[in-house]
Amino acid sequence: MGTKRKKLEKKAIYIVRSLTRMYPRAHVFLHHSNQFELLVAVMLSAQCTDKKVNEVTACLFKKYKNIGDYVKAGESKSGIRKFEMDIFQTGFFKAKTKHILQTAKIIHEHHNGEVPRSMQELLLLPGVGRKTANIILESAFGIIEGIPVDTHVFRLAHVFGLSNAKTADGVEKDLCSLIPKRLWKNLSYRMISYGREYCPARRHNHKQCPLSKIGL
């Protein structure tokens, strides 16, 4: 292993441990009371803030109390239209409605109403990619298979110099290769917390960020 690679791995571990000290209790930000609600919330979070999703699901989860309610909504045009209006504020509501209601039907019919607990099965669900699958596996089942990469994680991986990949999957691959698996848990939420508090996407002075003294 080259010296440059060793330095990069050391830097990555230092960043992870620093974030762990800063945000020891970081966890998924989306409100939910069961595994399927978490799946719905994560699907709604695409191109939408967690705050807005939590506002929408506060009402949504009272109206649709179990997976059967979602299946029923998808059985008629009126049910689909009502669901679209129920999630309208999260954006891309037509695509999200289609994916969520189709996913509910698949889980109801092929998984006995239980959210799948493997990466392979989750990726077969409509609208579910690696980020969503990683969140579900980690937060719903305690299974650590990868690192969820959202816009904050993607951006900070580049800011920290841990990845030059142009895709979320590429960034995840880079992070997983640099960071020991024992440190993956909740890393995504710690990076998100850091991005929100100190290092946002808007233009700012990186020298004022707490982790700016590690050769960023």
Protein backbone atom coordinates (compact mmCIF):
# COMPACT_ATOMS: atom_id res chain seq x y z
CA MET A 1 0.00 0.00 0.00
CA GLY A 2 1.42 3.40 -0.99
CA THR A 3 2.26 6.16 1.46
CA LYS A 4 -0.33 8.46 -0.13
CA ARG A 5 -3.05 5.85 0.34
CA LYS A 6 -2.09 5.28 3.97
CA LYS A 7 -2.25 9.01 4.67
CA LEU A 8 -5.68 9.20 3.06
CA GLU A 9 -6.98 6.30 5.16
CA LYS A 10 -5.55 7.90 8.31
CA LYS A 11 -7.22 11.17 7.40
CA ALA A 12 -10.56 9.43 6.78
CA ILE A 13 -10.46 7.67 10.15
CA TYR A 14 -9.56 10.93 11.89
CA ILE A 15 -12.55 12.65 10.27
CA VAL A 16 -14.91 9.83 11.24
CA ARG A 17 -13.74 9.79 14.85
CA SER A 18 -13.98 13.59 15.06
CA LEU A 19 -17.54 13.48 13.75
CA THR A 20 -18.38 10.72 16.23
CA ARG A 21 -17.23 12.92 19.11
CA MET A 22 -19.17 15.88 17.73
CA TYR A 23 -22.40 13.96 17.06
CA PRO A 24 -22.39 10.83 19.26
CA ARG A 25 -26.18 10.36 19.07
CA ALA A 26 -26.70 11.03 15.36
CA HIS A 27 -29.34 8.85 13.75
CA VAL A 28 -31.86 8.92 10.92
CA PHE A 29 -33.72 12.26 10.90
CA LEU A 30 -36.99 11.01 9.41
CA HIS A 31 -39.86 10.36 11.82
CA HIS A 32 -41.42 6.91 11.67
CA SER A 33 -42.92 4.26 13.93
CA ASN A 34 -42.24 1.13 11.87
CA GLN A 35 -40.08 -0.16 9.04
CA PHE A 36 -42.56 0.54 6.25
CA GLU A 37 -43.11 4.11 7.41
CA LEU A 38 -39.35 4.62 7.32
CA LEU A 39 -39.27 3.29 3.76
CA VAL A 40 -42.06 5.66 2.73
CA ALA A 41 -40.35 8.60 4.43
CA VAL A 42 -37.02 7.90 2.73
CA MET A 43 -38.72 7.61 -0.66
CA LEU A 44 -40.44 10.95 -0.05
CA SER A 45 -37.14 12.58 0.92
CA ALA A 46 -35.77 12.49 -2.63
CA GLN A 47 -35.20 16.13 -3.68
CA CYS A 48 -36.93 17.27 -0.48
CA THR A 49 -35.79 18.34 2.98
CA ASP A 50 -36.18 16.04 5.97
CA LYS A 51 -38.06 18.84 7.74
CA LYS A 52 -40.70 19.01 5.01
CA VAL A 53 -41.01 15.22 4.84
CA ASN A 54 -41.59 15.06 8.59
CA GLU A 55 -44.29 17.71 8.27
CA VAL A 56 -46.02 15.74 5.50
CA THR A 57 -45.74 12.33 7.16
CA ALA A 58 -47.15 13.67 10.43
CA CYS A 59 -50.51 13.69 8.63
CA LEU A 60 -49.82 10.94 6.10
CA PHE A 61 -49.08 8.26 8.69
CA LYS A 62 -52.28 9.06 10.59
CA LYS A 63 -54.31 8.63 7.40
CA TYR A 64 -52.51 5.53 6.10
CA LYS A 65 -52.07 3.44 9.23
CA ASN A 66 -50.78 0.22 7.68
CA ILE A 67 -49.52 -1.19 4.40
CA GLY A 68 -53.04 -2.29 3.48
CA ASP A 69 -54.14 1.35 3.37
CA TYR A 70 -51.43 2.09 0.78
CA VAL A 71 -52.41 -0.94 -1.26
CA LYS A 72 -56.05 0.15 -1.21
CA ALA A 73 -55.09 3.68 -2.31
CA GLY A 74 -53.37 2.26 -5.36
CA GLU A 75 -56.42 0.30 -6.50
CA SER A 76 -58.39 3.26 -7.86
CA LYS A 77 -57.72 6.48 -9.74
CA SER A 78 -59.39 8.47 -6.99
CA GLY A 79 -57.20 6.80 -4.36
CA ILE A 80 -54.08 7.55 -6.38
CA ARG A 81 -55.10 11.19 -6.86
CA LYS A 82 -55.79 11.60 -3.14
CA PHE A 83 -52.40 10.14 -2.30
CA GLU A 84 -50.75 12.51 -4.76
CA MET A 85 -52.34 15.43 -2.98
CA ASP A 86 -51.33 14.03 0.40
CA ILE A 87 -47.64 14.10 -0.57
CA PHE A 88 -47.79 17.04 -3.00
CA GLN A 89 -45.56 19.26 -0.86
CA THR A 90 -42.58 16.89 -1.12
CA GLY A 91 -42.26 17.49 -4.88
CA PHE A 92 -42.18 14.98 -7.75
CA PHE A 93 -45.42 13.74 -6.24
CA LYS A 94 -46.61 11.73 -9.24
CA ALA A 95 -43.44 9.63 -9.49
CA LYS A 96 -43.27 9.22 -5.71
CA THR A 97 -46.92 8.16 -5.55
CA LYS A 98 -46.35 5.57 -8.28
CA HIS A 99 -43.26 4.14 -6.60
CA ILE A 100 -44.65 4.10 -3.06
CA LEU A 101 -47.98 2.51 -3.96
CA GLN A 102 -46.34 -0.06 -6.26
CA THR A 103 -43.82 -0.87 -3.54
CA ALA A 104 -46.62 -1.33 -1.00
CA LYS A 105 -48.36 -3.78 -3.32
CA ILE A 106 -45.17 -5.77 -3.93
CA ILE A 107 -44.33 -5.98 -0.24
CA HIS A 108 -47.92 -6.93 0.60
CA GLU A 109 -48.14 -9.65 -2.06
CA HIS A 110 -44.60 -11.03 -2.15
CA HIS A 111 -43.11 -10.34 1.27
CA ASN A 112 -46.06 -11.01 3.59
CA GLY A 113 -46.36 -7.32 4.31
CA GLU A 114 -42.83 -7.11 5.72
CA VAL A 115 -40.14 -4.79 4.36
CA PRO A 116 -37.35 -6.91 2.81
CA ARG A 117 -34.14 -7.01 4.81
CA SER A 118 -31.57 -7.62 2.08
CA MET A 119 -29.92 -5.21 -0.33
CA GLN A 120 -30.80 -7.42 -3.29
CA GLU A 121 -34.51 -7.51 -2.48
CA LEU A 122 -34.74 -3.81 -1.60
CA LEU A 123 -33.15 -2.75 -4.88
CA LEU A 124 -35.90 -4.61 -6.76
CA LEU A 125 -38.54 -2.28 -5.30
CA PRO A 126 -39.68 0.64 -7.51
CA GLY A 127 -37.82 3.86 -6.76
CA VAL A 128 -35.39 2.27 -4.30
CA GLY A 129 -31.67 2.84 -4.90
CA ARG A 130 -28.60 2.12 -2.78
CA LYS A 131 -29.02 5.19 -0.58
CA THR A 132 -32.57 4.24 0.38
CA ALA A 133 -31.65 0.57 0.79
CA ASN A 134 -28.67 1.41 3.01
CA ILE A 135 -30.82 3.62 5.24
CA ILE A 136 -33.49 0.93 5.61
CA LEU A 137 -30.99 -1.82 6.34
CA GLU A 138 -29.11 0.26 8.91
CA SER A 139 -31.94 2.11 10.64
CA ALA A 140 -34.68 -0.53 10.44
CA PHE A 141 -32.69 -3.74 10.83
CA GLY A 142 -29.27 -2.80 12.18
CA ILE A 143 -27.63 -4.28 9.10
CA ILE A 144 -24.59 -2.31 7.91
CA GLU A 145 -23.97 -3.05 4.26
CA GLY A 146 -22.77 0.32 3.04
CA ILE A 147 -22.83 4.07 3.69
CA PRO A 148 -25.93 6.06 2.61
CA VAL A 149 -24.79 8.87 0.32
CA ASP A 150 -27.11 11.87 0.09
CA THR A 151 -26.24 15.33 -1.22
CA HIS A 152 -24.48 16.34 2.03
CA VAL A 153 -22.38 13.17 2.17
CA PHE A 154 -21.57 13.44 -1.54
CA ARG A 155 -20.46 17.05 -1.17
CA LEU A 156 -18.47 16.60 2.04
CA ALA A 157 -16.67 13.54 0.70
CA HIS A 158 -15.28 15.87 -1.97
CA VAL A 159 -14.64 18.73 0.46
CA PHE A 160 -12.70 16.38 2.74
CA GLY A 161 -10.76 15.04 -0.24
CA LEU A 162 -11.96 11.48 0.32
CA SER A 163 -13.49 11.01 -3.11
CA ASN A 164 -13.45 12.44 -6.61
CA ALA A 165 -16.25 10.20 -7.83
CA LYS A 166 -18.98 11.79 -9.91
CA THR A 167 -21.79 9.51 -8.71
CA ALA A 168 -23.25 8.65 -5.30
CA ASP A 169 -22.41 4.98 -5.80
CA GLY A 170 -18.83 5.95 -6.62
CA VAL A 171 -18.54 8.08 -3.48
CA GLU A 172 -19.93 5.23 -1.38
CA LYS A 173 -17.37 2.85 -2.86
CA ASP A 174 -14.53 5.27 -2.07
CA LEU A 175 -15.69 5.87 1.51
CA CYS A 176 -16.17 2.17 2.17
CA SER A 177 -12.67 1.42 0.86
CA LEU A 178 -11.06 4.05 3.11
CA ILE A 179 -13.04 3.59 6.32
CA PRO A 180 -13.17 0.34 8.35
CA LYS A 181 -16.64 -1.19 8.37
CA ARG A 182 -16.86 -0.91 12.15
CA LEU A 183 -17.01 2.87 11.69
CA TRP A 184 -19.71 2.99 9.01
CA LYS A 185 -22.71 2.99 11.36
CA ASN A 186 -24.40 6.43 11.57
CA LEU A 187 -21.52 8.04 9.66
CA SER A 188 -23.93 9.40 7.06
CA TYR A 189 -26.04 11.17 9.71
CA ARG A 190 -22.93 12.62 11.36
CA MET A 191 -21.74 14.02 8.05
CA ILE A 192 -25.19 15.47 7.38
CA SER A 193 -25.24 17.07 10.84
CA TYR A 194 -21.80 18.58 10.26
CA GLY A 195 -22.82 19.89 6.85
CA ARG A 196 -25.94 21.51 8.23
CA GLU A 197 -24.23 23.08 11.23
CA TYR A 198 -20.83 24.10 9.91
CA CYS A 199 -20.24 23.34 6.24
CA PRO A 200 -23.36 24.04 4.15
CA ALA A 201 -23.56 23.95 0.37
CA ARG A 202 -23.82 27.72 0.15
CA ARG A 203 -20.62 29.71 -0.30
CA HIS A 204 -18.71 30.12 2.96
CA ASN A 205 -15.20 30.22 4.44
CA HIS A 206 -14.09 26.61 4.94
CA LYS A 207 -11.33 27.82 7.29
CA GLN A 208 -14.01 28.49 9.88
CA CYS A 209 -15.22 24.87 9.79
CA PRO A 210 -14.02 22.72 12.75
CA LEU A 211 -12.41 20.10 10.50
CA SER A 212 -10.60 22.61 8.32
CA LYS A 213 -7.20 21.94 9.92
CA ILE A 214 -6.69 18.49 8.44
CA GLY A 215 -5.45 19.57 5.05
CA LEU A 216 -8.78 19.99 3.27
